[in-house]
């Protein structure tokens, strides 16, 4: 028999720019609860504009956790996040029956809701050396090394994502075991709360329009100035991120500013497609449009009522 609990975590997922933050805040106001941010780039306090962190005014007094709390040089794994987020949830559930988690970082959401394979603590020098190799020899060198160390993961991972490639190599080199092998050893974690999965979706045309408008708004808000301040740290893991990489290229004379902005829009639309591919695999997600708050609230209430009747 599936165990039910008296506490509920509402998880709101979806592609970038679809409106997860705004809807989560509306829902948190209605439920009088707090929000766990599960956007891996919004963890960093110096990446405010480029990661679309909500302003104090936009948060409307709703407490947000795991937002803008890390220095740019920090490496913060999905496992670390899950451990700390679960501790935070334990504290919140003392006074709250329901908490909201929202974000588009699929791996971090998976770690929070399901757990990840146990990987031993690895020396930080491994990550430093791999980041240095990325800066000096390029991503192609690292992907070739991954093909040698773990051909199975090499054939499935997004090879254009340096963070994923570096993490896999870090594990391969640090443990002597292929990353793909360790990932297979994962077991479903037990959680002390019910999980209600909500996905936001809309037409591709509307989403692409939202993405383009958001990028333009970021530039008006000072994204270029934010990137200029972060240039000395451009080799850090955190800054291998949409919006920052393209503007670093502009600063280095590899493109015009207009070309860089266009490339941010193109790459963000590709990223949104990958996010949807990831989330569509999860059959536990119920899908709504970002503007369907009343039906969403009714859906959540019916699920909570269902769990409560099983107590």
Protein backbone atom coordinates (compact mmCIF):
# COMPACT_ATOMS: atom_id res chain seq x y z
CA UNK A 1 0.00 0.00 0.00
CA UNK A 2 1.28 3.47 -0.86
CA UNK A 3 1.93 5.49 2.28
CA UNK A 4 0.23 8.87 2.50
CA UNK A 5 1.27 11.84 4.60
CA UNK A 6 -0.35 14.94 6.06
CA UNK A 7 2.11 17.33 4.37
CA UNK A 8 2.15 18.19 0.68
CA UNK A 9 4.83 19.59 -1.62
CA UNK A 10 3.38 21.23 -4.72
CA UNK A 11 6.04 21.12 -7.43
CA UNK A 12 5.55 23.56 -10.33
CA UNK A 13 7.71 22.83 -13.37
CA UNK A 14 7.94 23.96 -16.96
CA UNK A 15 10.25 25.61 -19.47
CA UNK A 16 12.06 28.87 -18.92
CA UNK A 17 10.02 32.09 -19.30
CA UNK A 18 6.65 30.36 -19.12
CA UNK A 19 5.59 32.10 -15.91
CA UNK A 20 6.41 29.61 -13.13
CA UNK A 21 7.57 32.31 -10.72
CA UNK A 22 4.51 34.54 -11.05
CA UNK A 23 2.06 31.66 -10.77
CA UNK A 24 3.91 30.17 -7.79
CA UNK A 25 3.69 33.49 -5.95
CA UNK A 26 -0.04 33.76 -6.69
CA UNK A 27 -0.54 30.22 -5.43
CA UNK A 28 1.59 30.80 -2.33
CA UNK A 29 -0.51 33.87 -1.50
CA UNK A 30 -3.71 31.85 -1.86
CA UNK A 31 -2.36 28.99 0.28
CA UNK A 32 -0.48 31.26 2.71
CA UNK A 33 2.72 29.29 2.34
CA UNK A 34 6.37 29.61 1.26
CA UNK A 35 8.39 28.79 -1.86
CA UNK A 36 11.46 26.61 -2.44
CA UNK A 37 13.34 27.77 -5.55
CA UNK A 38 14.65 24.92 -7.69
CA UNK A 39 16.42 26.97 -10.34
CA UNK A 40 20.09 26.08 -10.12
CA UNK A 41 21.24 29.42 -11.55
CA UNK A 42 19.03 31.53 -9.31
CA UNK A 43 21.04 30.15 -6.39
CA UNK A 44 23.82 32.65 -7.22
CA UNK A 45 23.56 36.11 -5.71
CA UNK A 46 25.46 37.93 -8.49
CA UNK A 47 23.38 36.48 -11.36
CA UNK A 48 20.21 38.42 -10.69
CA UNK A 49 19.16 39.79 -14.09
CA UNK A 50 20.37 36.98 -16.32
CA UNK A 51 18.54 34.31 -14.31
CA UNK A 52 15.34 36.37 -13.92
CA UNK A 53 15.39 36.31 -10.14
CA UNK A 54 12.18 37.84 -8.79
CA UNK A 55 12.49 41.27 -7.19
CA UNK A 56 11.30 42.02 -3.66
CA UNK A 57 8.25 43.73 -5.16
CA UNK A 58 7.46 40.70 -7.35
CA UNK A 59 7.78 38.33 -4.37
CA UNK A 60 5.01 40.30 -2.61
CA UNK A 61 6.23 39.31 0.83
CA UNK A 62 6.21 35.57 0.12
CA UNK A 63 9.30 33.95 1.73
CA UNK A 64 11.57 32.33 -0.87
CA UNK A 65 14.22 29.75 0.01
CA UNK A 66 17.37 28.91 -2.01
CA UNK A 67 17.32 32.17 -3.90
CA UNK A 68 20.43 34.32 -4.37
CA UNK A 69 22.44 32.74 -1.55
CA UNK A 70 25.68 31.44 -3.14
CA UNK A 71 28.87 33.25 -4.22
CA UNK A 72 29.67 32.95 -7.90
CA UNK A 73 32.66 30.65 -7.29
CA UNK A 74 30.62 28.04 -5.39
CA UNK A 75 29.97 24.57 -6.76
CA UNK A 76 26.63 23.33 -5.48
CA UNK A 77 25.51 19.88 -6.55
CA UNK A 78 22.00 18.51 -6.88
CA UNK A 79 22.75 16.19 -3.99
CA UNK A 80 23.77 19.07 -1.73
CA UNK A 81 20.65 20.97 -2.69
CA UNK A 82 18.37 18.02 -1.99
CA UNK A 83 19.88 17.45 1.45
CA UNK A 84 19.50 21.09 2.46
CA UNK A 85 16.08 21.52 0.85
CA UNK A 86 14.74 18.48 2.70
CA UNK A 87 15.97 19.96 5.98
CA UNK A 88 14.23 23.23 5.10
CA UNK A 89 11.01 21.37 4.30
CA UNK A 90 11.15 19.57 7.65
CA UNK A 91 11.23 22.98 9.34
CA UNK A 92 8.50 24.47 7.16
CA UNK A 93 6.17 21.51 7.65
CA UNK A 94 6.15 22.15 11.40
CA UNK A 95 3.81 25.08 10.76
CA UNK A 96 2.66 24.47 7.16
CA UNK A 97 0.61 21.68 5.62
CA UNK A 98 1.58 22.72 2.09
CA UNK A 99 4.82 24.13 0.60
CA UNK A 100 5.53 25.07 -3.03
CA UNK A 101 8.69 24.19 -4.96
CA UNK A 102 9.22 25.69 -8.39
CA UNK A 103 11.91 25.75 -11.05
CA UNK A 104 13.12 24.36 -14.32
CA UNK A 105 16.28 22.54 -13.23
CA UNK A 106 15.21 18.95 -13.88
CA UNK A 107 18.11 17.23 -12.15
CA UNK A 108 17.69 19.28 -8.96
CA UNK A 109 13.95 18.62 -8.94
CA UNK A 110 14.63 14.92 -9.39
CA UNK A 111 17.09 14.97 -6.49
CA UNK A 112 14.54 16.68 -4.26
CA UNK A 113 11.58 14.46 -5.16
CA UNK A 114 13.21 11.10 -5.87
CA UNK A 115 16.81 11.17 -4.69
CA UNK A 116 19.98 10.49 -6.65
CA UNK A 117 22.59 7.75 -6.71
CA UNK A 118 24.97 7.87 -3.75
CA UNK A 119 28.27 9.35 -4.92
CA UNK A 120 31.17 9.75 -2.49
CA UNK A 121 32.54 13.18 -1.66
CA UNK A 122 35.24 13.99 -4.20
CA UNK A 123 38.24 16.32 -3.81
CA UNK A 124 37.50 19.85 -5.03
CA UNK A 125 40.78 19.81 -6.97
CA UNK A 126 39.14 17.48 -9.51
CA UNK A 127 36.51 20.07 -10.44
CA UNK A 128 39.14 22.83 -10.50
CA UNK A 129 41.39 20.85 -12.84
CA UNK A 130 38.50 20.03 -15.17
CA UNK A 131 37.36 23.67 -15.28
CA UNK A 132 40.94 24.66 -16.11
CA UNK A 133 41.03 22.06 -18.88
CA UNK A 134 37.77 23.47 -20.24
CA UNK A 135 39.24 26.97 -20.33
CA UNK A 136 42.57 25.92 -21.83
CA UNK A 137 41.71 23.01 -24.14
CA UNK A 138 38.02 23.49 -24.84
CA UNK A 139 34.91 21.39 -24.45
CA UNK A 140 35.86 19.02 -27.28
CA UNK A 141 38.85 17.80 -25.25
CA UNK A 142 36.59 16.98 -22.30
CA UNK A 143 33.96 15.23 -24.42
CA UNK A 144 36.69 13.06 -25.97
CA UNK A 145 37.94 12.19 -22.49
CA UNK A 146 34.39 11.31 -21.46
CA UNK A 147 34.07 9.02 -24.49
CA UNK A 148 37.11 7.12 -23.20
CA UNK A 149 36.04 6.97 -19.55
CA UNK A 150 32.30 6.42 -19.96
CA UNK A 151 31.16 5.79 -23.56
CA UNK A 152 27.60 4.98 -22.44
CA UNK A 153 27.06 8.34 -20.74
CA UNK A 154 28.91 10.08 -23.58
CA UNK A 155 26.29 8.79 -26.00
CA UNK A 156 23.33 10.03 -23.93
CA UNK A 157 24.42 13.31 -22.29
CA UNK A 158 24.07 16.76 -23.88
CA UNK A 159 27.68 17.17 -25.00
CA UNK A 160 27.21 20.92 -25.39
CA UNK A 161 26.55 21.26 -21.65
CA UNK A 162 29.97 21.64 -19.96
CA UNK A 163 28.49 21.26 -16.47
CA UNK A 164 27.12 17.80 -17.24
CA UNK A 165 30.32 16.71 -18.97
CA UNK A 166 32.50 17.97 -16.12
CA UNK A 167 30.31 16.33 -13.45
CA UNK A 168 30.50 12.97 -15.21
CA UNK A 169 34.28 13.21 -15.60
CA UNK A 170 34.64 14.29 -11.99
CA UNK A 171 32.90 11.09 -10.88
CA UNK A 172 34.71 8.86 -13.37
CA UNK A 173 38.13 10.17 -12.40
CA UNK A 174 37.39 10.41 -8.69
CA UNK A 175 35.85 6.97 -8.21
CA UNK A 176 37.24 4.94 -11.09
CA UNK A 177 33.65 3.91 -11.88
CA UNK A 178 31.72 5.09 -14.95
CA UNK A 179 29.14 7.73 -14.08
CA UNK A 180 26.50 5.79 -16.02
CA UNK A 181 27.08 2.77 -13.75
CA UNK A 182 26.60 4.79 -10.57
CA UNK A 183 23.43 6.39 -11.94
CA UNK A 184 21.90 2.94 -12.50
CA UNK A 185 22.38 2.16 -8.81
CA UNK A 186 19.88 4.83 -7.79
CA UNK A 187 16.96 3.69 -5.67
CA UNK A 188 13.71 5.59 -5.16
CA UNK A 189 14.04 7.69 -2.02
CA UNK A 190 11.32 7.76 0.61
CA UNK A 191 9.83 11.19 1.26
CA UNK A 192 7.81 12.17 4.33
CA UNK A 193 5.37 14.25 2.28
CA UNK A 194 3.05 13.83 -0.68
CA UNK A 195 4.26 15.31 -3.97
CA UNK A 196 1.79 17.04 -6.30
CA UNK A 197 3.39 17.62 -9.70
CA UNK A 198 2.12 20.56 -11.79
CA UNK A 199 3.48 21.43 -15.24
CA UNK A 200 2.99 24.69 -17.13
CA UNK A 201 2.69 24.60 -20.90
CA UNK A 202 1.51 26.75 -23.81
CA UNK A 203 1.93 26.93 -27.58
CA UNK A 204 5.45 27.10 -28.96
CA UNK A 205 4.70 30.42 -30.66
CA UNK A 206 3.57 32.05 -27.42
CA UNK A 207 6.50 30.65 -25.46
CA UNK A 208 9.00 31.84 -28.07
CA UNK A 209 7.43 35.30 -27.95
CA UNK A 210 7.75 35.34 -24.16
CA UNK A 211 11.40 34.30 -24.41
CA UNK A 212 12.23 37.06 -26.89
CA UNK A 213 10.46 39.68 -24.77
CA UNK A 214 12.23 38.47 -21.64
CA UNK A 215 15.68 38.69 -23.25
CA UNK A 216 14.93 42.23 -24.46
CA UNK A 217 13.74 43.16 -20.96
CA UNK A 218 16.91 41.72 -19.41
CA UNK A 219 19.06 43.86 -21.68
CA UNK A 220 17.06 46.95 -20.71
CA UNK A 221 17.47 46.06 -17.03
CA UNK A 222 21.26 45.97 -17.35
CA UNK A 223 22.23 42.40 -18.23
CA UNK A 224 25.31 43.55 -20.15
CA UNK A 225 26.56 45.51 -17.13
CA UNK A 226 25.93 42.49 -14.90
CA UNK A 227 27.94 40.29 -17.27
CA UNK A 228 30.79 42.83 -17.45
CA UNK A 229 31.15 42.72 -13.65
CA UNK A 230 31.27 38.92 -13.75
CA UNK A 231 33.80 38.64 -16.58
CA UNK A 232 36.74 37.87 -14.22
CA UNK A 233 34.83 34.75 -13.14
CA UNK A 234 33.75 33.59 -16.59
CA UNK A 235 35.44 30.20 -16.16
CA UNK A 236 33.34 29.27 -13.13
CA UNK A 237 30.71 26.58 -13.34
CA UNK A 238 27.87 28.98 -12.55
CA UNK A 239 28.57 31.18 -15.56
CA UNK A 240 28.40 28.41 -18.17
CA UNK A 241 24.87 29.67 -18.56
CA UNK A 242 22.55 31.14 -21.19
CA UNK A 243 22.84 34.89 -21.48
CA UNK A 244 26.28 35.03 -19.94
CA UNK A 245 28.23 32.88 -22.41
CA UNK A 246 26.89 34.79 -25.42
CA UNK A 247 27.72 38.19 -23.92
CA UNK A 248 31.19 37.01 -22.92
CA UNK A 249 31.70 36.18 -26.60
CA UNK A 250 30.58 39.71 -27.51
CA UNK A 251 32.99 41.20 -24.98
CA UNK A 252 35.81 39.18 -26.55
CA UNK A 253 34.98 40.47 -30.03
CA UNK A 254 33.54 37.20 -31.33
CA UNK A 255 30.19 38.77 -32.24
CA UNK A 256 28.34 42.06 -32.36
CA UNK A 257 25.97 42.93 -29.52
CA UNK A 258 22.95 42.39 -31.78
CA UNK A 259 24.27 38.96 -32.78
CA UNK A 260 24.85 38.05 -29.14
CA UNK A 261 21.30 39.03 -28.20
CA UNK A 262 19.87 37.02 -31.10
CA UNK A 263 21.98 34.04 -30.04
CA UNK A 264 20.67 34.27 -26.46
CA UNK A 265 17.13 34.08 -27.82
CA UNK A 266 17.93 31.14 -30.10
CA UNK A 267 19.75 29.20 -27.38
CA UNK A 268 17.04 29.90 -24.81
CA UNK A 269 14.37 28.54 -27.15
CA UNK A 270 16.44 25.39 -27.65
CA UNK A 271 16.87 25.06 -23.90
CA UNK A 272 13.12 25.42 -23.35
CA UNK A 273 12.54 22.56 -25.79
CA UNK A 274 14.99 20.35 -23.86
CA UNK A 275 13.26 21.20 -20.60
CA UNK A 276 9.88 20.18 -22.01
CA UNK A 277 11.35 16.94 -23.34
CA UNK A 278 12.63 16.16 -19.83
CA UNK A 279 9.36 17.00 -18.05
CA UNK A 280 7.08 15.30 -20.59
CA UNK A 281 8.67 11.97 -19.61
CA UNK A 282 7.16 12.29 -16.13
CA UNK A 283 3.65 10.82 -16.22
CA UNK A 284 2.93 12.15 -12.72
CA UNK A 285 2.75 15.75 -13.98
CA UNK A 286 -0.66 17.35 -14.58
CA UNK A 287 -0.45 20.13 -17.18
CA UNK A 288 -2.03 23.59 -17.10
CA UNK A 289 -1.56 26.93 -18.84
CA UNK A 290 0.16 29.68 -16.81
CA UNK A 291 -3.11 31.64 -16.64
CA UNK A 292 -5.34 28.83 -15.34
CA UNK A 293 -5.01 29.54 -11.61
CA UNK A 294 -8.62 28.71 -10.68
CA UNK A 295 -8.57 25.25 -12.30
CA UNK A 296 -5.09 24.64 -10.91
CA UNK A 297 -6.24 25.46 -7.37
CA UNK A 298 -9.27 23.19 -7.77
CA UNK A 299 -7.02 20.35 -8.98
CA UNK A 300 -4.64 20.76 -6.04
CA UNK A 301 -7.53 20.93 -3.55
CA UNK A 302 -9.02 17.70 -4.92
CA UNK A 303 -5.70 15.87 -4.59
CA UNK A 304 -5.15 17.12 -1.03
CA UNK A 305 -8.71 16.06 -0.14
CA UNK A 306 -7.99 12.63 -1.61
CA UNK A 307 -4.86 12.22 0.49
CA UNK A 308 -6.65 13.46 3.62
CA UNK A 309 -9.45 10.90 3.23
CA UNK A 310 -6.82 8.13 3.15
CA UNK A 311 -5.37 9.08 6.54
